[in-house]
Protein backbone atom coordinates (compact mmCIF):
# COMPACT_ATOMS: atom_id res chain seq x y z
CA MET A 1 0.00 0.00 0.00
CA VAL A 2 1.15 3.53 -0.81
CA THR A 3 1.43 5.51 2.43
CA GLU A 4 1.41 9.10 1.15
CA PHE A 5 -1.63 9.92 3.31
CA ALA A 6 -0.88 7.63 6.25
CA GLY A 7 -2.18 9.15 9.48
CA LYS A 8 -4.55 11.49 7.62
CA THR A 9 -8.33 11.46 7.93
CA VAL A 10 -10.36 12.04 4.77
CA PHE A 11 -14.10 12.78 4.82
CA VAL A 12 -15.90 12.26 1.49
CA SER A 13 -19.44 13.57 1.09
CA GLY A 14 -21.29 11.49 -1.49
CA GLY A 15 -18.44 9.00 -1.25
CA THR A 16 -20.43 5.83 -1.91
CA SER A 17 -20.65 5.90 -5.71
CA GLY A 18 -19.21 7.30 -8.92
CA ILE A 19 -16.40 9.83 -8.88
CA ASN A 20 -16.65 10.39 -5.13
CA LEU A 21 -16.25 6.68 -4.37
CA GLY A 22 -13.25 6.58 -6.70
CA ILE A 23 -11.69 9.46 -4.78
CA ALA A 24 -12.37 7.71 -1.46
CA GLN A 25 -10.79 4.51 -2.79
CA HIS A 26 -7.70 6.39 -3.97
CA PHE A 27 -7.14 7.91 -0.54
CA ALA A 28 -7.79 4.51 1.08
CA ARG A 29 -5.13 2.90 -1.11
CA SER A 30 -2.78 5.74 -0.12
CA GLY A 31 -2.97 4.96 3.60
CA ALA A 32 -5.64 7.43 4.77
CA ARG A 33 -8.48 6.82 7.19
CA VAL A 34 -11.68 7.40 5.21
CA PHE A 35 -15.19 8.38 6.32
CA VAL A 36 -18.02 8.50 3.75
CA ILE A 37 -21.60 9.73 3.77
CA SER A 38 -24.58 9.46 1.43
CA ARG A 39 -28.33 9.16 1.78
CA ASP A 40 -28.57 5.39 1.22
CA PRO A 41 -27.52 3.32 4.26
CA ALA A 42 -26.96 0.23 2.10
CA LYS A 43 -24.56 2.13 -0.16
CA VAL A 44 -22.72 3.46 2.89
CA ASP A 45 -22.29 -0.07 4.26
CA ALA A 46 -21.08 -1.37 0.89
CA ALA A 47 -18.63 1.48 0.41
CA VAL A 48 -17.19 1.12 3.91
CA ALA A 49 -16.76 -2.62 3.42
CA GLY A 50 -14.98 -2.03 0.11
CA LEU A 51 -12.66 0.57 1.60
CA ARG A 52 -11.76 -1.79 4.42
CA GLU A 53 -10.98 -4.50 1.86
CA LEU A 54 -8.41 -2.09 0.45
CA GLY A 55 -6.72 -2.13 3.83
CA ALA A 56 -7.95 1.23 5.09
CA GLU A 57 -9.53 2.20 8.36
CA ALA A 58 -12.98 3.24 7.17
CA ASP A 59 -16.35 4.21 8.55
CA GLY A 60 -19.46 6.00 7.34
CA MET A 61 -22.94 7.19 8.08
CA SER A 62 -26.17 7.84 6.22
CA ALA A 63 -26.81 11.58 5.85
CA ASP A 64 -28.66 13.85 3.45
CA VAL A 65 -26.55 16.94 2.69
CA ARG A 66 -29.74 19.00 2.50
CA GLN A 67 -30.35 18.34 6.20
CA TYR A 68 -27.83 20.21 8.33
CA ASP A 69 -28.48 18.23 11.51
CA GLN A 70 -27.73 14.97 9.71
CA VAL A 71 -24.51 16.38 8.24
CA LYS A 72 -23.38 17.71 11.62
CA ALA A 73 -24.06 14.33 13.23
CA ALA A 74 -21.89 12.66 10.60
CA PHE A 75 -18.97 14.98 11.27
CA ASP A 76 -19.36 14.48 15.00
CA ARG A 77 -19.25 10.73 14.41
CA CYS A 78 -16.16 10.98 12.19
CA ALA A 79 -14.36 13.09 14.80
CA GLU A 80 -15.30 10.58 17.50
CA VAL A 81 -13.91 7.67 15.48
CA PHE A 82 -10.90 9.22 13.74
CA GLY A 83 -10.20 12.60 15.36
CA GLN A 84 -9.59 15.80 13.46
CA ILE A 85 -10.24 15.88 9.69
CA ASP A 86 -7.32 16.67 7.41
CA ILE A 87 -8.99 16.42 3.99
CA LEU A 88 -12.62 17.13 3.11
CA VAL A 89 -14.07 16.21 -0.28
CA SER A 90 -17.57 17.61 -0.85
CA GLY A 91 -19.09 15.90 -3.85
CA ALA A 92 -22.84 15.47 -3.55
CA ALA A 93 -24.59 16.64 -6.75
CA GLY A 94 -27.85 16.55 -8.66
CA ASN A 95 -28.51 16.88 -12.39
CA PHE A 96 -31.04 16.27 -15.14
CA LEU A 97 -31.37 17.50 -18.72
CA ALA A 98 -34.16 20.05 -19.29
CA LYS A 99 -34.86 23.22 -21.21
CA ALA A 100 -35.12 26.24 -18.94
CA GLU A 101 -38.83 26.76 -19.61
CA ASN A 102 -39.53 23.16 -18.61
CA ILE A 103 -37.70 23.19 -15.27
CA SER A 104 -40.18 23.22 -12.42
CA SER A 105 -39.63 25.21 -9.26
CA ASN A 106 -39.19 21.95 -7.36
CA GLY A 107 -36.66 20.64 -9.87
CA PHE A 108 -34.60 23.82 -9.77
CA ARG A 109 -34.78 23.91 -5.98
CA ALA A 110 -33.68 20.28 -5.67
CA VAL A 111 -30.47 20.88 -7.61
CA MET A 112 -29.70 24.10 -5.74
CA GLU A 113 -30.33 22.45 -2.37
CA ILE A 114 -28.12 19.44 -3.09
CA ASP A 115 -25.29 21.37 -4.72
CA VAL A 116 -25.15 24.82 -3.12
CA LEU A 117 -26.93 24.38 0.21
CA GLY A 118 -25.40 20.92 0.58
CA THR A 119 -21.89 22.26 -0.02
CA HIS A 120 -22.48 24.99 2.55
CA HIS A 121 -23.78 22.46 5.08
CA VAL A 122 -20.79 20.19 4.59
CA MET A 123 -18.17 22.92 4.91
CA HIS A 124 -19.95 24.64 7.83
CA ALA A 125 -20.36 21.40 9.80
CA ALA A 126 -16.78 20.37 9.02
CA TYR A 127 -15.16 23.58 10.21
CA PRO A 128 -14.93 22.78 13.97
CA HIS A 129 -13.27 19.44 13.15
CA LEU A 130 -10.74 20.59 10.54
CA THR A 131 -7.05 20.63 11.38
CA LYS A 132 -5.91 24.24 11.69
CA PRO A 133 -3.52 24.92 10.06
CA GLY A 134 -3.19 22.25 7.40
CA ALA A 135 -6.69 21.17 6.37
CA CYS A 136 -7.57 20.89 2.70
CA ILE A 137 -11.12 21.18 1.31
CA ILE A 138 -11.91 20.03 -2.23
CA ASN A 139 -15.35 20.79 -3.64
CA LEU A 140 -16.51 18.87 -6.70
CA SER A 141 -17.90 21.25 -9.30
CA ALA A 142 -18.42 20.94 -13.08
CA PRO A 143 -17.75 22.89 -16.29
CA GLN A 144 -21.27 24.34 -16.00
CA GLY A 145 -19.91 26.58 -13.28
CA SER A 146 -17.96 28.62 -15.81
CA VAL A 147 -19.64 28.06 -19.18
CA ALA A 148 -23.29 28.06 -20.21
CA MET A 149 -24.70 24.79 -21.53
CA VAL A 150 -27.96 23.93 -23.26
CA GLY A 151 -30.42 22.17 -20.97
CA GLN A 152 -28.36 22.96 -17.90
CA ALA A 153 -29.54 26.36 -16.62
CA HIS A 154 -30.22 24.96 -13.15
CA VAL A 155 -26.86 23.21 -12.98
CA CYS A 156 -25.00 26.28 -14.28
CA ALA A 157 -26.51 28.28 -11.43
CA ALA A 158 -25.65 25.60 -8.87
CA LYS A 159 -22.08 24.93 -9.95
CA SER A 160 -21.21 28.61 -10.19
CA GLY A 161 -22.53 28.87 -6.63
CA ILE A 162 -20.16 26.11 -5.52
CA ASP A 163 -17.22 27.81 -7.22
CA MET A 164 -17.94 31.14 -5.54
CA LEU A 165 -18.35 29.45 -2.16
CA THR A 166 -14.95 27.92 -2.78
CA ARG A 167 -13.36 31.31 -3.44
CA ALA A 168 -15.14 33.06 -0.57
CA LEU A 169 -14.17 30.44 2.00
CA ALA A 170 -10.60 30.28 0.70
CA LEU A 171 -10.46 34.02 1.43
CA GLU A 172 -12.05 33.73 4.88
CA TRP A 173 -10.36 30.54 6.07
CA GLY A 174 -6.93 31.10 4.54
CA PRO A 175 -5.68 32.90 7.68
CA LYS A 176 -6.60 29.74 9.64
CA GLY A 177 -4.36 27.69 7.35
CA ILE A 178 -7.27 25.97 5.58
CA ARG A 179 -7.02 25.63 1.81
CA VAL A 180 -10.22 25.47 -0.27
CA ASN A 181 -10.29 24.52 -3.97
CA SER A 182 -12.76 23.20 -6.52
CA VAL A 183 -12.14 20.37 -8.98
CA SER A 184 -14.26 20.53 -12.12
CA PRO A 185 -14.56 17.16 -13.90
CA GLY A 186 -15.68 17.16 -17.51
CA PRO A 187 -17.13 14.08 -19.25
CA ILE A 188 -16.05 11.12 -17.11
CA ASN A 189 -16.66 7.64 -18.43
CA GLY A 190 -19.20 5.42 -16.67
CA THR A 191 -20.66 8.03 -14.34
CA GLU A 192 -24.33 8.64 -13.65
CA GLY A 193 -23.97 12.25 -14.78
CA GLN A 194 -22.80 11.26 -18.24
CA LYS A 195 -25.62 8.74 -18.59
CA ARG A 196 -28.12 11.54 -17.96
CA LEU A 197 -26.49 14.13 -20.21
CA VAL A 198 -25.64 11.86 -23.13
CA PRO A 199 -28.47 9.32 -23.14
CA ASP A 200 -27.89 7.62 -26.51
CA PRO A 201 -24.93 6.39 -28.61
CA ALA A 202 -25.12 9.36 -31.00
CA ALA A 203 -24.92 11.76 -28.08
CA VAL A 204 -21.95 9.87 -26.63
CA GLU A 205 -20.07 10.06 -29.93
CA GLU A 206 -20.73 13.76 -30.29
CA ARG A 207 -19.75 14.39 -26.67
CA ILE A 208 -16.41 12.67 -27.27
CA ASN A 209 -15.84 14.55 -30.52
CA SER A 210 -16.46 17.86 -28.74
CA VAL A 211 -13.63 17.20 -26.27
CA PRO A 212 -10.29 18.49 -27.61
CA LEU A 213 -8.51 15.35 -26.35
CA ARG A 214 -11.18 13.24 -28.13
CA ARG A 215 -11.96 10.94 -25.22
CA MET A 216 -13.81 10.85 -21.95
CA GLY A 217 -11.85 11.06 -18.74
CA THR A 218 -11.59 8.45 -16.03
CA VAL A 219 -12.54 8.51 -12.37
CA GLN A 220 -8.88 7.83 -11.55
CA GLU A 221 -7.80 11.02 -13.33
CA VAL A 222 -10.13 13.04 -11.09
CA ALA A 223 -8.89 11.20 -8.00
CA ASP A 224 -5.28 11.90 -9.00
CA LEU A 225 -5.97 15.65 -9.14
CA CYS A 226 -7.69 15.56 -5.73
CA ALA A 227 -4.73 13.69 -4.26
CA PHE A 228 -2.34 16.30 -5.67
CA LEU A 229 -4.36 19.15 -4.17
CA ALA A 230 -4.39 17.40 -0.79
CA SER A 231 -0.68 16.66 -0.88
CA ASP A 232 2.37 18.57 0.33
CA LYS A 233 3.04 19.50 -3.31
CA ALA A 234 0.04 21.88 -3.34
CA THR A 235 0.36 23.72 -0.04
CA TYR A 236 0.34 27.16 -1.71
CA ILE A 237 -2.74 26.52 -3.87
CA THR A 238 -6.10 27.81 -2.65
CA GLY A 239 -9.20 29.51 -4.05
CA THR A 240 -8.85 27.86 -7.45
CA VAL A 241 -11.27 26.02 -9.73
CA ILE A 242 -9.23 23.42 -11.61
CA PRO A 243 -10.72 21.63 -14.64
CA VAL A 244 -9.98 17.99 -15.31
CA ASP A 245 -11.98 17.88 -18.52
CA GLY A 246 -9.78 17.28 -21.54
CA GLY A 247 -10.43 20.86 -22.63
CA THR A 248 -14.23 20.57 -22.48
CA THR A 249 -14.68 24.17 -21.37
CA LEU A 250 -13.17 25.27 -24.70
CA ASN A 251 -16.09 23.67 -26.55
CA PRO A 252 -18.79 23.02 -23.95
CA THR A 253 -22.09 22.26 -25.70
CA PRO A 254 -22.33 19.47 -28.29
CA THR A 255 -25.07 20.01 -30.86
CA ARG A 256 -26.63 16.65 -30.06
CA MET A 257 -27.55 17.77 -26.54
CA GLY A 258 -29.71 20.54 -27.95
CA GLN A 259 -31.23 18.20 -30.54
CA PHE A 260 -32.14 15.72 -27.82
CA LEU A 261 -34.12 18.38 -26.00
CA GLU A 262 -36.10 19.17 -29.14
CA GLU A 263 -37.12 15.54 -29.71
């Protein structure tokens, strides 16, 4: 086992599936103690068992990031089990494809509550338990935070909110020695987000062709960037939004996505 993060405690919000689980697994393989949360207790149990199989000390708890009391209870539990938190990854997210005039108030609210309110809840509840100085926070964002995309008005609003929270808290918490950054994954192969945004083979092909590197990324590539930001090699980096997207933000909206919405 690699021991780069031995003795460190990593808390991963949404860390039971997709990119967030991949990040949790990477830190587990690197020697960290890992605590994960998500809404589904069965997914929490499965993720914790898998992390332990990798040789890590791991624990978790069911919590909905929209409910502050549940999030606070999870951080209290993590601190009880593992002590202070060195690395926080906040990755809970919601998304669906819809034209702006077809997004209901409830649909818009759901995405904002999961992404923006949820990110606030996670960082606010984490603060008393973060190592000071030395803690690193990594928020998971998306290209929609910086570029407009067809069918993604709600997500554009939410992700830009996450990115500005990142910058604001980097400014406020920097004097405490806490670094706060966002990682912005583009099209990542095999994730639930890509299945929703590119729902048919034609859309997948066009999505790939719109990426300057002409391929989708991998979960491991996102995890590698998070590990770099949490490492001693990045101790002077804070308040940034770093894409890991193959250049997606240079050409953000494939034609097929718009055609799909018209069908």
